[in-house]
Protein backbone atom coordinates (compact mmCIF):
# COMPACT_ATOMS: atom_id res chain seq x y z
CA UNK A 1 89.65 -9.35 3.37
CA UNK A 2 87.06 -7.58 1.26
CA UNK A 3 85.05 -4.88 2.97
CA UNK A 4 81.39 -5.69 3.46
CA UNK A 5 79.27 -3.47 1.23
CA UNK A 6 76.01 -2.46 2.79
CA UNK A 7 73.09 -2.14 0.38
CA UNK A 8 72.06 1.40 -0.33
CA UNK A 9 68.55 1.91 0.94
CA UNK A 10 66.46 4.16 -1.24
CA UNK A 11 64.28 6.57 0.72
CA UNK A 12 60.65 5.65 0.51
CA UNK A 13 58.32 8.33 -0.76
CA UNK A 14 54.84 8.17 0.65
CA UNK A 15 52.15 8.71 -1.97
CA UNK A 16 50.04 11.81 -1.53
CA UNK A 17 46.72 11.09 0.13
CA UNK A 18 43.54 11.54 -1.86
CA UNK A 19 42.41 14.39 0.37
CA UNK A 20 45.65 16.32 -0.03
CA UNK A 21 45.65 15.77 -3.78
CA UNK A 22 42.09 17.11 -3.99
CA UNK A 23 43.07 20.16 -1.95
CA UNK A 24 46.17 20.77 -4.09
CA UNK A 25 44.16 20.62 -7.31
CA UNK A 26 41.57 22.99 -5.83
CA UNK A 27 44.17 25.54 -4.75
CA UNK A 28 46.16 25.38 -7.99
CA UNK A 29 42.97 25.79 -10.02
CA UNK A 30 41.97 28.77 -7.86
CA UNK A 31 45.34 30.44 -8.45
CA UNK A 32 45.07 29.79 -12.19
CA UNK A 33 41.59 31.32 -12.20
CA UNK A 34 42.88 34.37 -10.36
CA UNK A 35 45.63 34.79 -12.95
CA UNK A 36 43.10 34.51 -15.77
CA UNK A 37 40.91 37.19 -14.18
CA UNK A 38 43.96 39.42 -13.66
CA UNK A 39 44.99 38.99 -17.30
CA UNK A 40 41.85 40.76 -18.56
CA UNK A 41 41.53 38.30 -21.46
CA UNK A 42 37.78 37.82 -21.08
CA UNK A 43 36.91 40.76 -23.30
CA UNK A 44 39.47 39.97 -26.05
CA UNK A 45 38.12 36.41 -26.10
CA UNK A 46 34.57 37.71 -26.62
CA UNK A 47 35.79 39.95 -29.45
CA UNK A 48 36.89 36.86 -31.36
CA UNK A 49 33.20 36.08 -31.95
CA UNK A 50 31.42 39.44 -31.54
CA UNK A 51 31.31 42.75 -33.36
CA UNK A 52 29.24 45.93 -33.35
CA UNK A 53 26.53 43.92 -35.07
CA UNK A 54 26.43 41.41 -32.22
CA UNK A 55 27.32 37.72 -32.18
CA UNK A 56 26.66 35.90 -35.42
CA UNK A 57 26.47 32.53 -33.67
CA UNK A 58 24.03 33.67 -30.99
CA UNK A 59 21.05 31.89 -32.58
CA UNK A 60 22.90 29.41 -34.76
CA UNK A 61 21.56 25.85 -34.72
CA UNK A 62 24.85 24.34 -33.51
CA UNK A 63 25.33 26.69 -30.59
CA UNK A 64 21.80 27.70 -29.58
CA UNK A 65 19.83 24.54 -30.31
CA UNK A 66 22.21 21.58 -30.24
CA UNK A 67 24.74 22.64 -27.58
CA UNK A 68 22.60 24.97 -25.46
CA UNK A 69 19.07 23.56 -25.42
CA UNK A 70 20.17 20.05 -26.37
CA UNK A 71 22.97 20.05 -23.83
CA UNK A 72 20.59 21.03 -21.05
CA UNK A 73 18.16 18.26 -22.02
CA UNK A 74 20.99 15.71 -22.20
CA UNK A 75 22.10 16.69 -18.70
CA UNK A 76 18.66 16.02 -17.24
CA UNK A 77 18.43 12.70 -19.07
CA UNK A 78 21.83 11.75 -17.64
CA UNK A 79 20.69 12.73 -14.16
CA UNK A 80 17.59 10.60 -14.65
CA UNK A 81 19.75 7.59 -15.54
CA UNK A 82 21.89 8.23 -12.47
CA UNK A 83 18.76 8.38 -10.30
CA UNK A 84 17.55 5.08 -11.73
CA UNK A 85 20.85 3.50 -10.65
CA UNK A 86 19.61 3.76 -7.06
CA UNK A 87 17.37 0.77 -7.75
CA UNK A 88 20.25 -1.39 -8.96
CA UNK A 89 21.53 -3.77 -6.31
CA UNK A 90 25.13 -2.85 -5.38
CA UNK A 91 28.01 -5.34 -5.48
CA UNK A 92 31.46 -5.34 -3.89
CA UNK A 93 32.75 -3.65 -7.05
CA UNK A 94 30.12 -0.89 -6.99
CA UNK A 95 29.22 2.01 -4.69
CA UNK A 96 26.54 1.39 -2.10
CA UNK A 97 23.05 2.81 -2.45
CA UNK A 98 23.83 5.23 0.38
CA UNK A 99 26.90 6.51 -1.48
CA UNK A 100 25.02 6.86 -4.75
CA UNK A 101 22.18 8.70 -3.06
CA UNK A 102 24.54 11.03 -1.19
CA UNK A 103 26.50 11.96 -4.30
CA UNK A 104 23.30 12.55 -6.26
CA UNK A 105 22.35 15.08 -3.58
CA UNK A 106 25.78 16.74 -3.93
CA UNK A 107 25.40 16.93 -7.71
CA UNK A 108 21.93 18.43 -7.39
CA UNK A 109 23.39 20.96 -4.95
CA UNK A 110 25.92 21.98 -7.63
CA UNK A 111 23.12 22.32 -10.19
CA UNK A 112 21.19 24.59 -7.81
CA UNK A 113 24.01 26.56 -6.14
CA UNK A 114 25.72 28.02 -9.21
CA UNK A 115 22.52 29.38 -10.85
CA UNK A 116 21.55 30.78 -7.43
CA UNK A 117 24.77 32.81 -7.33
CA UNK A 118 24.19 33.90 -10.92
CA UNK A 119 20.72 35.18 -10.02
CA UNK A 120 22.18 37.86 -7.74
CA UNK A 121 25.18 38.80 -9.90
CA UNK A 122 25.35 42.37 -11.31
CA UNK A 123 27.57 41.17 -14.18
CA UNK A 124 25.96 41.27 -17.62
CA UNK A 125 26.62 38.93 -20.54
CA UNK A 126 28.96 39.87 -23.42
CA UNK A 127 26.02 40.33 -25.80
CA UNK A 128 24.76 43.08 -23.44
CA UNK A 129 27.86 45.24 -23.95
CA UNK A 130 27.53 48.44 -26.00
CA UNK A 131 30.40 47.45 -28.28
CA UNK A 132 28.42 44.34 -29.27
CA UNK A 133 25.15 46.18 -29.84
CA UNK A 134 23.88 46.26 -26.24
CA UNK A 135 23.82 48.98 -23.58
CA UNK A 136 26.24 47.84 -20.85
CA UNK A 137 29.88 48.68 -20.23
CA UNK A 138 32.43 46.06 -19.26
CA UNK A 139 32.91 45.77 -15.50
CA UNK A 140 34.89 42.98 -13.83
CA UNK A 141 32.73 40.53 -11.89
CA UNK A 142 34.97 41.20 -8.89
CA UNK A 143 33.83 44.82 -8.64
CA UNK A 144 31.05 43.82 -6.31
CA UNK A 145 28.06 46.13 -6.21
CA UNK A 146 29.19 48.08 -9.30
CA UNK A 147 26.48 48.02 -11.98
CA UNK A 148 27.52 47.86 -15.62
CA UNK A 149 24.30 49.34 -16.99
CA UNK A 150 23.00 46.01 -18.26
CA UNK A 151 20.57 43.42 -16.91
CA UNK A 152 23.25 41.48 -15.00
CA UNK A 153 22.62 37.92 -13.77
CA UNK A 154 25.30 36.39 -15.99
CA UNK A 155 28.10 35.23 -13.65
CA UNK A 156 29.00 32.42 -13.28
CA UNK A 157 27.81 30.22 -16.16
CA UNK A 158 24.67 28.29 -15.29
CA UNK A 159 24.74 26.29 -18.52
CA UNK A 160 28.22 24.93 -17.79
CA UNK A 161 26.82 23.24 -14.69
CA UNK A 162 24.99 20.88 -17.05
CA UNK A 163 28.42 19.25 -17.39
CA UNK A 164 30.44 20.25 -14.34
CA UNK A 165 27.65 19.30 -11.97
CA UNK A 166 28.59 15.68 -12.69
CA UNK A 167 32.03 15.96 -11.07
CA UNK A 168 30.37 14.01 -8.27
CA UNK A 169 30.42 10.85 -10.43
CA UNK A 170 34.22 10.91 -10.33
CA UNK A 171 34.22 11.11 -6.54
CA UNK A 172 31.55 8.41 -6.34
CA UNK A 173 33.46 5.87 -8.42
CA UNK A 174 37.12 6.48 -7.66
CA UNK A 175 37.19 4.16 -4.62
CA UNK A 176 35.67 1.38 -6.72
CA UNK A 177 36.86 1.72 -10.31
CA UNK A 178 39.68 4.04 -11.28
CA UNK A 179 38.91 3.49 -14.97
CA UNK A 180 35.25 4.45 -14.64
CA UNK A 181 36.04 7.41 -12.38
CA UNK A 182 38.58 8.82 -14.82
CA UNK A 183 36.21 8.26 -17.72
CA UNK A 184 33.57 10.35 -15.94
CA UNK A 185 36.13 13.04 -15.12
CA UNK A 186 37.38 13.22 -18.70
CA UNK A 187 33.86 13.33 -20.13
CA UNK A 188 32.79 16.09 -17.73
CA UNK A 189 35.83 18.23 -18.58
CA UNK A 190 35.46 17.79 -22.35
CA UNK A 191 31.70 18.38 -22.44
CA UNK A 192 32.04 21.35 -20.06
CA UNK A 193 34.70 22.90 -22.30
CA UNK A 194 32.49 22.43 -25.39
CA UNK A 195 29.51 23.99 -23.62
CA UNK A 196 31.69 26.90 -22.48
CA UNK A 197 33.04 27.49 -25.98
CA UNK A 198 29.52 27.44 -27.41
CA UNK A 199 28.35 30.03 -24.89
CA UNK A 200 31.39 32.19 -25.62
CA UNK A 201 30.64 32.01 -29.35
CA UNK A 202 27.02 32.98 -28.68
CA UNK A 203 28.07 35.94 -26.54
CA UNK A 204 26.31 34.44 -23.53
CA UNK A 205 29.38 34.11 -21.28
CA UNK A 206 33.05 34.97 -20.92
CA UNK A 207 35.60 32.17 -20.44
CA UNK A 208 35.93 33.05 -16.75
CA UNK A 209 32.21 32.44 -16.23
CA UNK A 210 32.64 28.83 -17.36
CA UNK A 211 35.89 28.34 -15.45
CA UNK A 212 34.39 29.61 -12.21
CA UNK A 213 31.41 27.29 -12.60
CA UNK A 214 33.81 24.39 -12.98
CA UNK A 215 35.80 25.43 -9.91
CA UNK A 216 32.72 25.93 -7.76
CA UNK A 217 31.33 22.49 -8.66
CA UNK A 218 34.72 20.87 -8.03
CA UNK A 219 35.18 22.68 -4.70
CA UNK A 220 31.70 21.65 -3.55
CA UNK A 221 32.50 18.02 -4.35
CA UNK A 222 35.87 18.20 -2.59
CA UNK A 223 34.21 19.69 0.49
CA UNK A 224 31.51 17.02 0.47
CA UNK A 225 34.09 14.25 0.07
CA UNK A 226 35.68 15.27 3.40
CA UNK A 227 32.47 14.74 5.37
CA UNK A 228 33.05 11.72 7.68
CA UNK A 229 29.68 10.12 6.96
CA UNK A 230 30.10 10.45 3.20
CA UNK A 231 33.61 9.05 3.46
CA UNK A 232 32.34 6.00 5.31
CA UNK A 233 29.53 5.18 2.85
CA UNK A 234 31.74 5.91 -0.17
CA UNK A 235 34.62 3.67 0.98
CA UNK A 236 35.15 0.43 -0.89
CA UNK A 237 33.96 -2.49 1.28
CA UNK A 238 36.64 -4.86 2.50
CA UNK A 239 36.86 -8.02 0.41
CA UNK A 240 39.53 -9.68 2.51
CA UNK A 241 37.07 -10.96 5.09
CA UNK A 242 34.75 -12.23 2.38
CA UNK A 243 37.57 -14.01 0.59
CA UNK A 244 36.90 -12.18 -2.67
CA UNK A 245 39.70 -11.17 -5.04
CA UNK A 246 38.78 -8.09 -7.00
CA UNK A 247 39.93 -7.09 -10.46
CA UNK A 248 43.11 -4.89 -10.35
CA UNK A 249 41.40 -2.33 -12.56
CA UNK A 250 38.96 -1.65 -9.73
CA UNK A 251 41.62 -0.42 -7.34
CA UNK A 252 41.44 3.16 -6.18
CA UNK A 253 43.80 5.58 -7.92
């Protein structure tokens, strides 16, 4: 008589919740930022573009006009388009007006909060350093209250918020269209990196200034996404009761 073989049951692994994944990304990014600050690579990075004569790309058309002034204008145009979306009637596959309005407020908060921090920062820009033709000495932005001899008001990067302020579009769309949410996330990261590189080349900011702007905007969005009211208005409406079958591409990641 052959022994009865019982099927081997594979242990089920529960997927990580969205909230925990957001928190994990936030913490890992914070640790990475701390390691970057501890490495002291900000100044060597600035030296790649600057010399005793200053930064040759400070007033170049590509960096100063197209990516700095043009990037800022493009950000406000994008925000205007997002604001106009409030008048579009929502569908089961789209966020509600309440969700769109709430996330627009969060994005505007990012746009305001980071420059507000910068306004009170004693940290000067790379082009203000004596070794690049200025008057300041390099002082870490974590040495709070220690003046570097320059004008300050350069940490974190306010220009980078023209891209990273739109992290909220990822949080707005991810319960409705994973494809659109990831497209927004990818675009924000790429454009933010380009803006940050342009400002580094101009001598306007160190890499850490851009990275901290990105982290602050992300952290603000993560915090907002945990608010019960915002969770309720951002949730995808149930289609089961309405008898509607949605496209698989619209499922939440």
